[in-house]
Amino acid sequence: MSKKKGFMDGYKTYDDSNGRGSPDEWASAFRERMSGVEAREILRDDDPLTILNLPQNPSKSQIKKSFRLLALKWHPDKNPGNEKEASTKFKKIYAAYILLYEEGIEW
């Protein structure tokens, strides 16, 4: 029985870093993009559930699905000419995801 491959497994098999670090260092940097402290600072008085359009006590799959849909919609690369607003909204969406999904904070 083979183990299911995860998203980060590609970093272990494909190294095109050209001396800029090992695949493990790239994976570590990817995971450390935003901490819970930074996420709380970005959101301040905003409710993560409202930002991700979620009901009270959402499941992990609901959080992930909502994050992915909103991230696609508000990614700055998908909004040419409106990068500033898209970037602000995307940061809030990502911060809400960090707090709800990765940090597991209940609201």
PDB file of N, CA and C in Angstrom:
ATOM      1  N   MET A   1       0.846  -1.176   0.000  1.00  0.00           N
ATOM      2  CA  MET A   1       0.000   0.000   0.000  1.00  0.00           C
ATOM      3  C   MET A   1       0.891   1.239   0.000  1.00  0.00           C
ATOM      4  N   SER A   2       0.682   2.133  -0.934  1.00  0.00           N
ATOM      5  CA  SER A   2       1.527   3.320  -1.013  1.00  0.00           C
ATOM      6  C   SER A   2       0.907   4.473  -0.237  1.00  0.00           C
ATOM      7  N   LYS A   3       1.761   5.314   0.265  1.00  0.00           N
ATOM      8  CA  LYS A   3       1.335   6.478   1.018  1.00  0.00           C
ATOM      9  C   LYS A   3       0.853   7.550   0.046  1.00  0.00           C
ATOM     10  N   LYS A   4      -0.253   8.211   0.393  1.00  0.00           N
ATOM     11  CA  LYS A   4      -0.785   9.279  -0.448  1.00  0.00           C
ATOM     12  C   LYS A   4       0.190  10.460  -0.434  1.00  0.00           C
ATOM     13  N   LYS A   5       0.476  10.980  -1.612  1.00  0.00           N
ATOM     14  CA  LYS A   5       1.415  12.103  -1.708  1.00  0.00           C
ATOM     15  C   LYS A   5       0.729  13.391  -1.286  1.00  0.00           C
ATOM     16  N   GLY A   6       1.435  14.185  -0.548  1.00  0.00           N
ATOM     17  CA  GLY A   6       0.948  15.488  -0.132  1.00  0.00           C
ATOM     18  C   GLY A   6       1.498  16.576  -1.036  1.00  0.00           C
ATOM     19  N   PHE A   7       0.970  17.766  -0.873  1.00  0.00           N
ATOM     20  CA  PHE A   7       1.378  18.895  -1.688  1.00  0.00           C
ATOM     21  C   PHE A   7       2.874  19.176  -1.564  1.00  0.00           C
ATOM     22  N   MET A   8       3.403  19.084  -0.357  1.00  0.00           N
ATOM     23  CA  MET A   8       4.793  19.445  -0.123  1.00  0.00           C
ATOM     24  C   MET A   8       5.763  18.352  -0.569  1.00  0.00           C
ATOM     25  N   ASP A   9       5.279  17.171  -0.904  1.00  0.00           N
ATOM     26  CA  ASP A   9       6.169  16.094  -1.331  1.00  0.00           C
ATOM     27  C   ASP A   9       6.912  16.434  -2.617  1.00  0.00           C
ATOM     28  N   GLY A  10       6.342  17.287  -3.446  1.00  0.00           N
ATOM     29  CA  GLY A  10       7.000  17.688  -4.679  1.00  0.00           C
ATOM     30  C   GLY A  10       8.312  18.414  -4.432  1.00  0.00           C
ATOM     31  N   TYR A  11       8.404  19.124  -3.311  1.00  0.00           N
ATOM     32  CA  TYR A  11       9.637  19.828  -2.989  1.00  0.00           C
ATOM     33  C   TYR A  11      10.778  18.852  -2.719  1.00  0.00           C
ATOM     34  N   LYS A  12      10.450  17.658  -2.264  1.00  0.00           N
ATOM     35  CA  LYS A  12      11.483  16.689  -1.923  1.00  0.00           C
ATOM     36  C   LYS A  12      12.050  16.007  -3.171  1.00  0.00           C
ATOM     37  N   THR A  13      11.264  15.939  -4.229  1.00  0.00           N
ATOM     38  CA  THR A  13      11.702  15.217  -5.419  1.00  0.00           C
ATOM     39  C   THR A  13      12.201  16.138  -6.526  1.00  0.00           C
ATOM     40  N   TYR A  14      11.861  17.406  -6.464  1.00  0.00           N
ATOM     41  CA  TYR A  14      12.245  18.332  -7.521  1.00  0.00           C
ATOM     42  C   TYR A  14      12.985  19.507  -6.905  1.00  0.00           C
ATOM     43  N   ASP A  15      14.253  19.586  -7.169  1.00  0.00           N
ATOM     44  CA  ASP A  15      15.058  20.663  -6.597  1.00  0.00           C
ATOM     45  C   ASP A  15      15.631  21.504  -7.716  1.00  0.00           C
ATOM     46  N   ASP A  16      15.098  22.684  -7.877  1.00  0.00           N
ATOM     47  CA  ASP A  16      15.600  23.626  -8.868  1.00  0.00           C
ATOM     48  C   ASP A  16      16.031  24.912  -8.148  1.00  0.00           C
ATOM     49  N   SER A  17      16.596  24.730  -6.961  1.00  0.00           N
ATOM     50  CA  SER A  17      16.920  25.885  -6.133  1.00  0.00           C
ATOM     51  C   SER A  17      18.190  26.606  -6.581  1.00  0.00           C
ATOM     52  N   ASN A  18      19.019  25.950  -7.399  1.00  0.00           N
ATOM     53  CA  ASN A  18      20.257  26.562  -7.883  1.00  0.00           C
ATOM     54  C   ASN A  18      21.080  27.178  -6.753  1.00  0.00           C
ATOM     55  N   GLY A  19      21.205  26.437  -5.660  1.00  0.00           N
ATOM     56  CA  GLY A  19      22.013  26.911  -4.546  1.00  0.00           C
ATOM     57  C   GLY A  19      21.305  27.870  -3.615  1.00  0.00           C
ATOM     58  N   ARG A  20      20.005  28.098  -3.809  1.00  0.00           N
ATOM     59  CA  ARG A  20      19.279  29.025  -2.948  1.00  0.00           C
ATOM     60  C   ARG A  20      18.652  28.320  -1.750  1.00  0.00           C
ATOM     61  N   GLY A  21      18.987  27.081  -1.527  1.00  0.00           N
ATOM     62  CA  GLY A  21      18.455  26.353  -0.385  1.00  0.00           C
ATOM     63  C   GLY A  21      17.940  24.988  -0.800  1.00  0.00           C
ATOM     64  N   SER A  22      17.807  24.133   0.166  1.00  0.00           N
ATOM     65  CA  SER A  22      17.335  22.783  -0.106  1.00  0.00           C
ATOM     66  C   SER A  22      15.810  22.776  -0.229  1.00  0.00           C
ATOM     67  N   PRO A  23      15.253  21.715  -0.791  1.00  0.00           N
ATOM     68  CA  PRO A  23      13.790  21.608  -0.868  1.00  0.00           C
ATOM     69  C   PRO A  23      13.134  21.678   0.507  1.00  0.00           C
ATOM     70  N   ASP A  24      13.793  21.143   1.527  1.00  0.00           N
ATOM     71  CA  ASP A  24      13.240  21.217   2.878  1.00  0.00           C
ATOM     72  C   ASP A  24      13.178  22.658   3.377  1.00  0.00           C
ATOM     73  N   GLU A  25      14.184  23.456   3.022  1.00  0.00           N
ATOM     74  CA  GLU A  25      14.164  24.870   3.407  1.00  0.00           C
ATOM     75  C   GLU A  25      13.048  25.616   2.682  1.00  0.00           C
ATOM     76  N   TRP A  26      12.819  25.275   1.416  1.00  0.00           N
ATOM     77  CA  TRP A  26      11.718  25.893   0.668  1.00  0.00           C
ATOM     78  C   TRP A  26      10.391  25.521   1.303  1.00  0.00           C
ATOM     79  N   ALA A  27      10.223  24.253   1.666  1.00  0.00           N
ATOM     80  CA  ALA A  27       8.981  23.799   2.286  1.00  0.00           C
ATOM     81  C   ALA A  27       8.765  24.497   3.622  1.00  0.00           C
ATOM     82  N   SER A  28       9.822  24.639   4.401  1.00  0.00           N
ATOM     83  CA  SER A  28       9.726  25.313   5.686  1.00  0.00           C
ATOM     84  C   SER A  28       9.324  26.775   5.512  1.00  0.00           C
ATOM     85  N   ALA A  29       9.926  27.453   4.545  1.00  0.00           N
ATOM     86  CA  ALA A  29       9.581  28.852   4.283  1.00  0.00           C
ATOM     87  C   ALA A  29       8.130  28.978   3.834  1.00  0.00           C
ATOM     88  N   PHE A  30       7.662  28.023   3.056  1.00  0.00           N
ATOM     89  CA  PHE A  30       6.280  28.042   2.597  1.00  0.00           C
ATOM     90  C   PHE A  30       5.321  27.962   3.781  1.00  0.00           C
ATOM     91  N   ARG A  31       5.625  27.112   4.739  1.00  0.00           N
ATOM     92  CA  ARG A  31       4.761  26.928   5.905  1.00  0.00           C
ATOM     93  C   ARG A  31       4.802  28.127   6.851  1.00  0.00           C
ATOM     94  N   GLU A  32       5.885  28.886   6.813  1.00  0.00           N
ATOM     95  CA  GLU A  32       6.054  29.985   7.754  1.00  0.00           C
ATOM     96  C   GLU A  32       5.652  31.334   7.174  1.00  0.00           C
ATOM     97  N   ARG A  33       4.806  31.347   6.185  1.00  0.00           N
ATOM     98  CA  ARG A  33       4.413  32.613   5.565  1.00  0.00           C
ATOM     99  C   ARG A  33       3.710  33.551   6.536  1.00  0.00           C
ATOM    100  N   MET A  34       2.804  33.021   7.363  1.00  0.00           N
ATOM    101  CA  MET A  34       2.089  33.874   8.297  1.00  0.00           C
ATOM    102  C   MET A  34       1.855  33.098   9.591  1.00  0.00           C
ATOM    103  N   SER A  35       2.166  33.729  10.701  1.00  0.00           N
ATOM    104  CA  SER A  35       1.935  33.093  11.995  1.00  0.00           C
ATOM    105  C   SER A  35       0.559  33.503  12.522  1.00  0.00           C
ATOM    106  N   GLY A  36       0.136  32.849  13.562  1.00  0.00           N
ATOM    107  CA  GLY A  36      -1.127  33.198  14.192  1.00  0.00           C
ATOM    108  C   GLY A  36      -1.118  34.613  14.741  1.00  0.00           C
ATOM    109  N   VAL A  37       0.025  35.038  15.247  1.00  0.00           N
ATOM    110  CA  VAL A  37       0.147  36.403  15.781  1.00  0.00           C
ATOM    111  C   VAL A  37      -0.046  37.424  14.663  1.00  0.00           C
ATOM    112  N   GLU A  38       0.593  37.189  13.527  1.00  0.00           N
ATOM    113  CA  GLU A  38       0.431  38.093  12.388  1.00  0.00           C
ATOM    114  C   GLU A  38      -1.011  38.095  11.893  1.00  0.00           C
ATOM    115  N   ALA A  39      -1.636  36.920  11.895  1.00  0.00           N
ATOM    116  CA  ALA A  39      -3.022  36.818  11.437  1.00  0.00           C
ATOM    117  C   ALA A  39      -3.949  37.625  12.347  1.00  0.00           C
ATOM    118  N   ARG A  40      -3.757  37.523  13.653  1.00  0.00           N
ATOM    119  CA  ARG A  40      -4.582  38.300  14.590  1.00  0.00           C
ATOM    120  C   ARG A  40      -4.364  39.794  14.390  1.00  0.00           C
ATOM    121  N   GLU A  41      -3.121  40.173  14.117  1.00  0.00           N
ATOM    122  CA  GLU A  41      -2.804  41.583  13.900  1.00  0.00           C
ATOM    123  C   GLU A  41      -3.482  42.112  12.636  1.00  0.00           C
ATOM    124  N   ILE A  42      -3.513  41.305  11.586  1.00  0.00           N
ATOM    125  CA  ILE A  42      -4.147  41.725  10.333  1.00  0.00           C
ATOM    126  C   ILE A  42      -5.652  41.863  10.515  1.00  0.00           C
ATOM    127  N   LEU A  43      -6.260  40.927  11.227  1.00  0.00           N
ATOM    128  CA  LEU A  43      -7.712  40.948  11.374  1.00  0.00           C
ATOM    129  C   LEU A  43      -8.197  41.945  12.422  1.00  0.00           C
ATOM    130  N   ARG A  44      -7.446  42.115  13.481  1.00  0.00           N
ATOM    131  CA  ARG A  44      -7.795  42.987  14.600  1.00  0.00           C
ATOM    132  C   ARG A  44      -9.242  42.782  15.046  1.00  0.00           C
ATOM    133  N   ASP A  45     -10.163  43.642  14.590  1.00  0.00           N
ATOM    134  CA  ASP A  45     -11.559  43.570  15.037  1.00  0.00           C
ATOM    135  C   ASP A  45     -12.453  42.804  14.066  1.00  0.00           C
ATOM    136  N   ASP A  46     -11.909  42.304  12.972  1.00  0.00           N
ATOM    137  CA  ASP A  46     -12.713  41.567  11.993  1.00  0.00           C
ATOM    138  C   ASP A  46     -12.946  40.137  12.453  1.00  0.00           C
ATOM    139  N   ASP A  47     -14.112  39.614  12.135  1.00  0.00           N
ATOM    140  CA  ASP A  47     -14.471  38.245  12.480  1.00  0.00           C
ATOM    141  C   ASP A  47     -14.063  37.319  11.336  1.00  0.00           C
ATOM    142  N   PRO A  48     -13.222  36.313  11.598  1.00  0.00           N
ATOM    143  CA  PRO A  48     -12.782  35.408  10.532  1.00  0.00           C
ATOM    144  C   PRO A  48     -13.941  34.654   9.871  1.00  0.00           C
ATOM    145  N   LEU A  49     -14.975  34.350  10.641  1.00  0.00           N
ATOM    146  CA  LEU A  49     -16.124  33.650  10.073  1.00  0.00           C
ATOM    147  C   LEU A  49     -16.835  34.519   9.035  1.00  0.00           C
ATOM    148  N   THR A  50     -16.944  35.792   9.319  1.00  0.00           N
ATOM    149  CA  THR A  50     -17.577  36.719   8.383  1.00  0.00           C
ATOM    150  C   THR A  50     -16.730  36.871   7.123  1.00  0.00           C
ATOM    151  N   ILE A  51     -15.438  36.968   7.292  1.00  0.00           N
ATOM    152  CA  ILE A  51     -14.545  37.130   6.145  1.00  0.00           C
ATOM    153  C   ILE A  51     -14.633  35.935   5.207  1.00  0.00           C
ATOM    154  N   LEU A  52     -14.714  34.727   5.769  1.00  0.00           N
ATOM    155  CA  LEU A  52     -14.789  33.518   4.941  1.00  0.00           C
ATOM    156  C   LEU A  52     -16.225  33.086   4.642  1.00  0.00           C
ATOM    157  N   ASN A  53     -17.205  33.905   5.043  1.00  0.00           N
ATOM    158  CA  ASN A  53     -18.627  33.605   4.800  1.00  0.00           C
ATOM    159  C   ASN A  53     -19.014  32.240   5.354  1.00  0.00           C
ATOM    160  N   LEU A  54     -18.670  32.000   6.617  1.00  0.00           N
ATOM    161  CA  LEU A  54     -18.918  30.701   7.240  1.00  0.00           C
ATOM    162  C   LEU A  54     -19.933  30.810   8.373  1.00  0.00           C
ATOM    163  N   PRO A  55     -20.662  29.709   8.639  1.00  0.00           N
ATOM    164  CA  PRO A  55     -21.566  29.682   9.796  1.00  0.00           C
ATOM    165  C   PRO A  55     -20.780  29.461  11.085  1.00  0.00           C
ATOM    166  N   GLN A  56     -21.464  29.537  12.216  1.00  0.00           N
ATOM    167  CA  GLN A  56     -20.818  29.237  13.494  1.00  0.00           C
ATOM    168  C   GLN A  56     -20.388  27.772  13.507  1.00  0.00           C
ATOM    169  N   ASN A  57     -19.276  27.481  14.114  1.00  0.00           N
ATOM    170  CA  ASN A  57     -18.720  26.122  14.241  1.00  0.00           C
ATOM    171  C   ASN A  57     -18.602  25.396  12.901  1.00  0.00           C
ATOM    172  N   PRO A  58     -17.861  25.958  11.958  1.00  0.00           N
ATOM    173  CA  PRO A  58     -17.697  25.295  10.657  1.00  0.00           C
ATOM    174  C   PRO A  58     -16.763  24.090  10.763  1.00  0.00           C
ATOM    175  N   SER A  59     -16.935  23.156   9.847  1.00  0.00           N
ATOM    176  CA  SER A  59     -16.030  22.013   9.794  1.00  0.00           C
ATOM    177  C   SER A  59     -14.746  22.423   9.078  1.00  0.00           C
ATOM    178  N   LYS A  60     -13.720  21.596   9.217  1.00  0.00           N
ATOM    179  CA  LYS A  60     -12.446  21.875   8.536  1.00  0.00           C
ATOM    180  C   LYS A  60     -12.640  21.931   7.029  1.00  0.00           C
ATOM    181  N   SER A  61     -13.482  21.044   6.497  1.00  0.00           N
ATOM    182  CA  SER A  61     -13.695  21.031   5.045  1.00  0.00           C
ATOM    183  C   SER A  61     -14.426  22.295   4.582  1.00  0.00           C
ATOM    184  N   GLN A  62     -15.350  22.821   5.382  1.00  0.00           N
ATOM    185  CA  GLN A  62     -16.030  24.065   5.031  1.00  0.00           C
ATOM    186  C   GLN A  62     -15.045  25.239   5.014  1.00  0.00           C
ATOM    187  N   ILE A  63     -14.171  25.273   6.000  1.00  0.00           N
ATOM    188  CA  ILE A  63     -13.170  26.354   6.084  1.00  0.00           C
ATOM    189  C   ILE A  63     -12.260  26.302   4.864  1.00  0.00           C
ATOM    190  N   LYS A  64     -11.765  25.115   4.554  1.00  0.00           N
ATOM    191  CA  LYS A  64     -10.840  24.948   3.436  1.00  0.00           C
ATOM    192  C   LYS A  64     -11.505  25.317   2.104  1.00  0.00           C
ATOM    193  N   LYS A  65     -12.734  24.863   1.904  1.00  0.00           N
ATOM    194  CA  LYS A  65     -13.449  25.141   0.657  1.00  0.00           C
ATOM    195  C   LYS A  65     -13.699  26.635   0.485  1.00  0.00           C
ATOM    196  N   SER A  66     -14.173  27.271   1.536  1.00  0.00           N
ATOM    197  CA  SER A  66     -14.442  28.703   1.472  1.00  0.00           C
ATOM    198  C   SER A  66     -13.154  29.488   1.211  1.00  0.00           C
ATOM    199  N   PHE A  67     -12.075  29.106   1.896  1.00  0.00           N
ATOM    200  CA  PHE A  67     -10.789  29.777   1.682  1.00  0.00           C
ATOM    201  C   PHE A  67     -10.350  29.664   0.230  1.00  0.00           C
ATOM    202  N   ARG A  68     -10.419  28.469  -0.322  1.00  0.00           N
ATOM    203  CA  ARG A  68      -9.959  28.268  -1.701  1.00  0.00           C
ATOM    204  C   ARG A  68     -10.774  29.081  -2.695  1.00  0.00           C
ATOM    205  N   LEU A  69     -12.095  29.112  -2.529  1.00  0.00           N
ATOM    206  CA  LEU A  69     -12.942  29.884  -3.451  1.00  0.00           C
ATOM    207  C   LEU A  69     -12.643  31.379  -3.371  1.00  0.00           C
ATOM    208  N   LEU A  70     -12.551  31.887  -2.144  1.00  0.00           N
ATOM    209  CA  LEU A  70     -12.276  33.318  -1.978  1.00  0.00           C
ATOM    210  C   LEU A  70     -10.847  33.679  -2.382  1.00  0.00           C
ATOM    211  N   ALA A  71      -9.904  32.789  -2.128  1.00  0.00           N
ATOM    212  CA  ALA A  71      -8.517  33.054  -2.515  1.00  0.00           C
ATOM    213  C   ALA A  71      -8.394  33.139  -4.036  1.00  0.00           C
ATOM    214  N   LEU A  72      -9.101  32.284  -4.737  1.00  0.00           N
ATOM    215  CA  LEU A  72      -9.083  32.358  -6.207  1.00  0.00           C
ATOM    216  C   LEU A  72      -9.706  33.660  -6.697  1.00  0.00           C
ATOM    217  N   LYS A  73     -10.784  34.055  -6.053  1.00  0.00           N
ATOM    218  CA  LYS A  73     -11.482  35.274  -6.473  1.00  0.00           C
ATOM    219  C   LYS A  73     -10.665  36.532  -6.195  1.00  0.00           C
ATOM    220  N   TRP A  74     -10.007  36.601  -5.037  1.00  0.00           N
ATOM    221  CA  TRP A  74      -9.338  37.823  -4.611  1.00  0.00           C
ATOM    222  C   TRP A  74      -7.821  37.798  -4.725  1.00  0.00           C
ATOM    223  N   HIS A  75      -7.245  36.808  -5.351  1.00  0.00           N
ATOM    224  CA  HIS A  75      -5.795  36.803  -5.519  1.00  0.00           C
ATOM    225  C   HIS A  75      -5.393  38.000  -6.381  1.00  0.00           C
ATOM    226  N   PRO A  76      -4.357  38.750  -5.994  1.00  0.00           N
ATOM    227  CA  PRO A  76      -3.960  39.935  -6.760  1.00  0.00           C
ATOM    228  C   PRO A  76      -3.664  39.657  -8.232  1.00  0.00           C
ATOM    229  N   ASP A  77      -3.150  38.470  -8.551  1.00  0.00           N
ATOM    230  CA  ASP A  77      -2.877  38.137  -9.949  1.00  0.00           C
ATOM    231  C   ASP A  77      -4.152  37.986 -10.769  1.00  0.00           C
ATOM    232  N   LYS A  78      -5.268  37.700 -10.107  1.00  0.00           N
ATOM    233  CA  LYS A  78      -6.549  37.526 -10.795  1.00  0.00           C
ATOM    234  C   LYS A  78      -7.319  38.843 -10.927  1.00  0.00           C
ATOM    235  N   ASN A  79      -6.782  39.909 -10.357  1.00  0.00           N
ATOM    236  CA  ASN A  79      -7.454  41.204 -10.354  1.00  0.00           C
ATOM    237  C   ASN A  79      -6.560  42.313 -10.906  1.00  0.00           C
ATOM    238  N   PRO A  80      -6.194  42.230 -12.171  1.00  0.00           N
ATOM    239  CA  PRO A  80      -5.346  43.286 -12.726  1.00  0.00           C
ATOM    240  C   PRO A  80      -6.077  44.633 -12.716  1.00  0.00           C
ATOM    241  N   GLY A  81      -5.364  45.651 -12.322  1.00  0.00           N
ATOM    242  CA  GLY A  81      -5.951  46.982 -12.229  1.00  0.00           C
ATOM    243  C   GLY A  81      -6.586  47.249 -10.875  1.00  0.00           C
ATOM    244  N   ASN A  82      -6.708  46.232 -10.050  1.00  0.00           N
ATOM    245  CA  ASN A  82      -7.317  46.374  -8.734  1.00  0.00           C
ATOM    246  C   ASN A  82      -6.462  45.629  -7.692  1.00  0.00           C
ATOM    247  N   GLU A  83      -5.154  45.672  -7.902  1.00  0.00           N
ATOM    248  CA  GLU A  83      -4.253  44.881  -7.070  1.00  0.00           C
ATOM    249  C   GLU A  83      -4.256  45.293  -5.603  1.00  0.00           C
ATOM    250  N   LYS A  84      -4.386  46.588  -5.323  1.00  0.00           N
ATOM    251  CA  LYS A  84      -4.299  47.057  -3.948  1.00  0.00           C
ATOM    252  C   LYS A  84      -5.461  46.519  -3.099  1.00  0.00           C
ATOM    253  N   GLU A  85      -6.682  46.664  -3.594  1.00  0.00           N
ATOM    254  CA  GLU A  85      -7.843  46.155  -2.861  1.00  0.00           C
ATOM    255  C   GLU A  85      -7.784  44.623  -2.773  1.00  0.00           C
ATOM    256  N   ALA A  86      -7.425  43.978  -3.880  1.00  0.00           N
ATOM    257  CA  ALA A  86      -7.353  42.518  -3.904  1.00  0.00           C
ATOM    258  C   ALA A  86      -6.305  42.016  -2.913  1.00  0.00           C
ATOM    259  N   SER A  87      -5.177  42.696  -2.846  1.00  0.00           N
ATOM    260  CA  SER A  87      -4.115  42.291  -1.921  1.00  0.00           C
ATOM    261  C   SER A  87      -4.571  42.399  -0.468  1.00  0.00           C
ATOM    262  N   THR A  88      -5.262  43.487  -0.139  1.00  0.00           N
ATOM    263  CA  THR A  88      -5.776  43.679   1.217  1.00  0.00           C
ATOM    264  C   THR A  88      -6.776  42.599   1.578  1.00  0.00           C
ATOM    265  N   LYS A  89      -7.718  42.322   0.666  1.00  0.00           N
ATOM    266  CA  LYS A  89      -8.729  41.295   0.930  1.00  0.00           C
ATOM    267  C   LYS A  89      -8.087  39.912   1.010  1.00  0.00           C
ATOM    268  N   PHE A  90      -7.122  39.648   0.133  1.00  0.00           N
ATOM    269  CA  PHE A  90      -6.467  38.346   0.139  1.00  0.00           C
ATOM    270  C   PHE A  90      -5.737  38.110   1.456  1.00  0.00           C
ATOM    271  N   LYS A  91      -5.074  39.119   1.987  1.00  0.00           N
ATOM    272  CA  LYS A  91      -4.374  38.986   3.264  1.00  0.00           C
ATOM    273  C   LYS A  91      -5.359  38.667   4.388  1.00  0.00           C
ATOM    274  N   LYS A  92      -6.522  39.327   4.370  1.00  0.00           N
ATOM    275  CA  LYS A  92      -7.527  39.063   5.395  1.00  0.00           C
ATOM    276  C   LYS A  92      -8.089  37.649   5.263  1.00  0.00           C
ATOM    277  N   ILE A  93      -8.310  37.217   4.043  1.00  0.00           N
ATOM    278  CA  ILE A  93      -8.818  35.866   3.796  1.00  0.00           C
ATOM    279  C   ILE A  93      -7.804  34.840   4.297  1.00  0.00           C
ATOM    280  N   TYR A  94      -6.539  35.048   3.982  1.00  0.00           N
ATOM    281  CA  TYR A  94      -5.492  34.117   4.413  1.00  0.00           C
ATOM    282  C   TYR A  94      -5.343  34.128   5.934  1.00  0.00           C
ATOM    283  N   ALA A  95      -5.429  35.313   6.544  1.00  0.00           N
ATOM    284  CA  ALA A  95      -5.329  35.414   8.000  1.00  0.00           C
ATOM    285  C   ALA A  95      -6.486  34.678   8.671  1.00  0.00           C
ATOM    286  N   ALA A  96      -7.687  34.816   8.136  1.00  0.00           N
ATOM    287  CA  ALA A  96      -8.847  34.111   8.689  1.00  0.00           C
ATOM    288  C   ALA A  96      -8.655  32.603   8.570  1.00  0.00           C
ATOM    289  N   TYR A  97      -8.127  32.162   7.448  1.00  0.00           N
ATOM    290  CA  TYR A  97      -7.856  30.737   7.239  1.00  0.00           C
ATOM    291  C   TYR A  97      -6.834  30.232   8.259  1.00  0.00           C
ATOM    292  N   ILE A  98      -5.776  30.986   8.460  1.00  0.00           N
ATOM    293  CA  ILE A  98      -4.732  30.599   9.420  1.00  0.00           C
ATOM    294  C   ILE A  98      -5.335  30.418  10.807  1.00  0.00           C
ATOM    295  N   LEU A  99      -6.154  31.380  11.233  1.00  0.00           N
ATOM    296  CA  LEU A  99      -6.718  31.311  12.578  1.00  0.00           C
ATOM    297  C   LEU A  99      -7.712  30.168  12.732  1.00  0.00           C
ATOM    298  N   LEU A 100      -8.568  29.980  11.742  1.00  0.00           N
ATOM    299  CA  LEU A 100      -9.617  28.973  11.867  1.00  0.00           C
ATOM    300  C   LEU A 100      -9.130  27.556  11.560  1.00  0.00           C
ATOM    301  N   TYR A 101      -8.360  27.409  10.524  1.00  0.00           N
ATOM    302  CA  TYR A 101      -7.975  26.075  10.070  1.00  0.00           C
ATOM    303  C   TYR A 101      -6.678  25.579  10.725  1.00  0.00           C
ATOM    304  N   GLU A 102      -5.653  26.385  10.634  1.00  0.00           N
ATOM    305  CA  GLU A 102      -4.347  25.924  11.108  1.00  0.00           C
ATOM    306  C   GLU A 102      -4.169  26.118  12.610  1.00  0.00           C
ATOM    307  N   GLU A 103      -4.665  27.222  13.144  1.00  0.00           N
ATOM    308  CA  GLU A 103      -4.546  27.467  14.577  1.00  0.00           C
ATOM    309  C   GLU A 103      -5.682  26.804  15.344  1.00  0.00           C
ATOM    310  N   GLY A 104      -6.788  26.537  14.671  1.00  0.00           N
ATOM    311  CA  GLY A 104      -7.917  25.863  15.295  1.00  0.00           C
ATOM    312  C   GLY A 104      -8.655  26.694  16.329  1.00  0.00           C
ATOM    313  N   ILE A 105      -8.630  28.010  16.168  1.00  0.00           N
ATOM    314  CA  ILE A 105      -9.304  28.893  17.118  1.00  0.00           C
ATOM    315  C   ILE A 105     -10.799  28.860  16.843  1.00  0.00           C
ATOM    316  N   GLU A 106     -11.593  28.718  17.897  1.00  0.00           N
ATOM    317  CA  GLU A 106     -13.045  28.716  17.758  1.00  0.00           C
ATOM    318  C   GLU A 106     -13.578  30.102  18.044  1.00  0.00           C
ATOM    319  N   TRP A 107     -14.575  30.515  17.272  1.00  0.00           N
ATOM    320  CA  TRP A 107     -15.180  31.843  17.435  1.00  0.00           C
ATOM    321  C   TRP A 107     -16.618  31.712  17.868  1.00  0.00           C
TER     322      TRP A 107
END
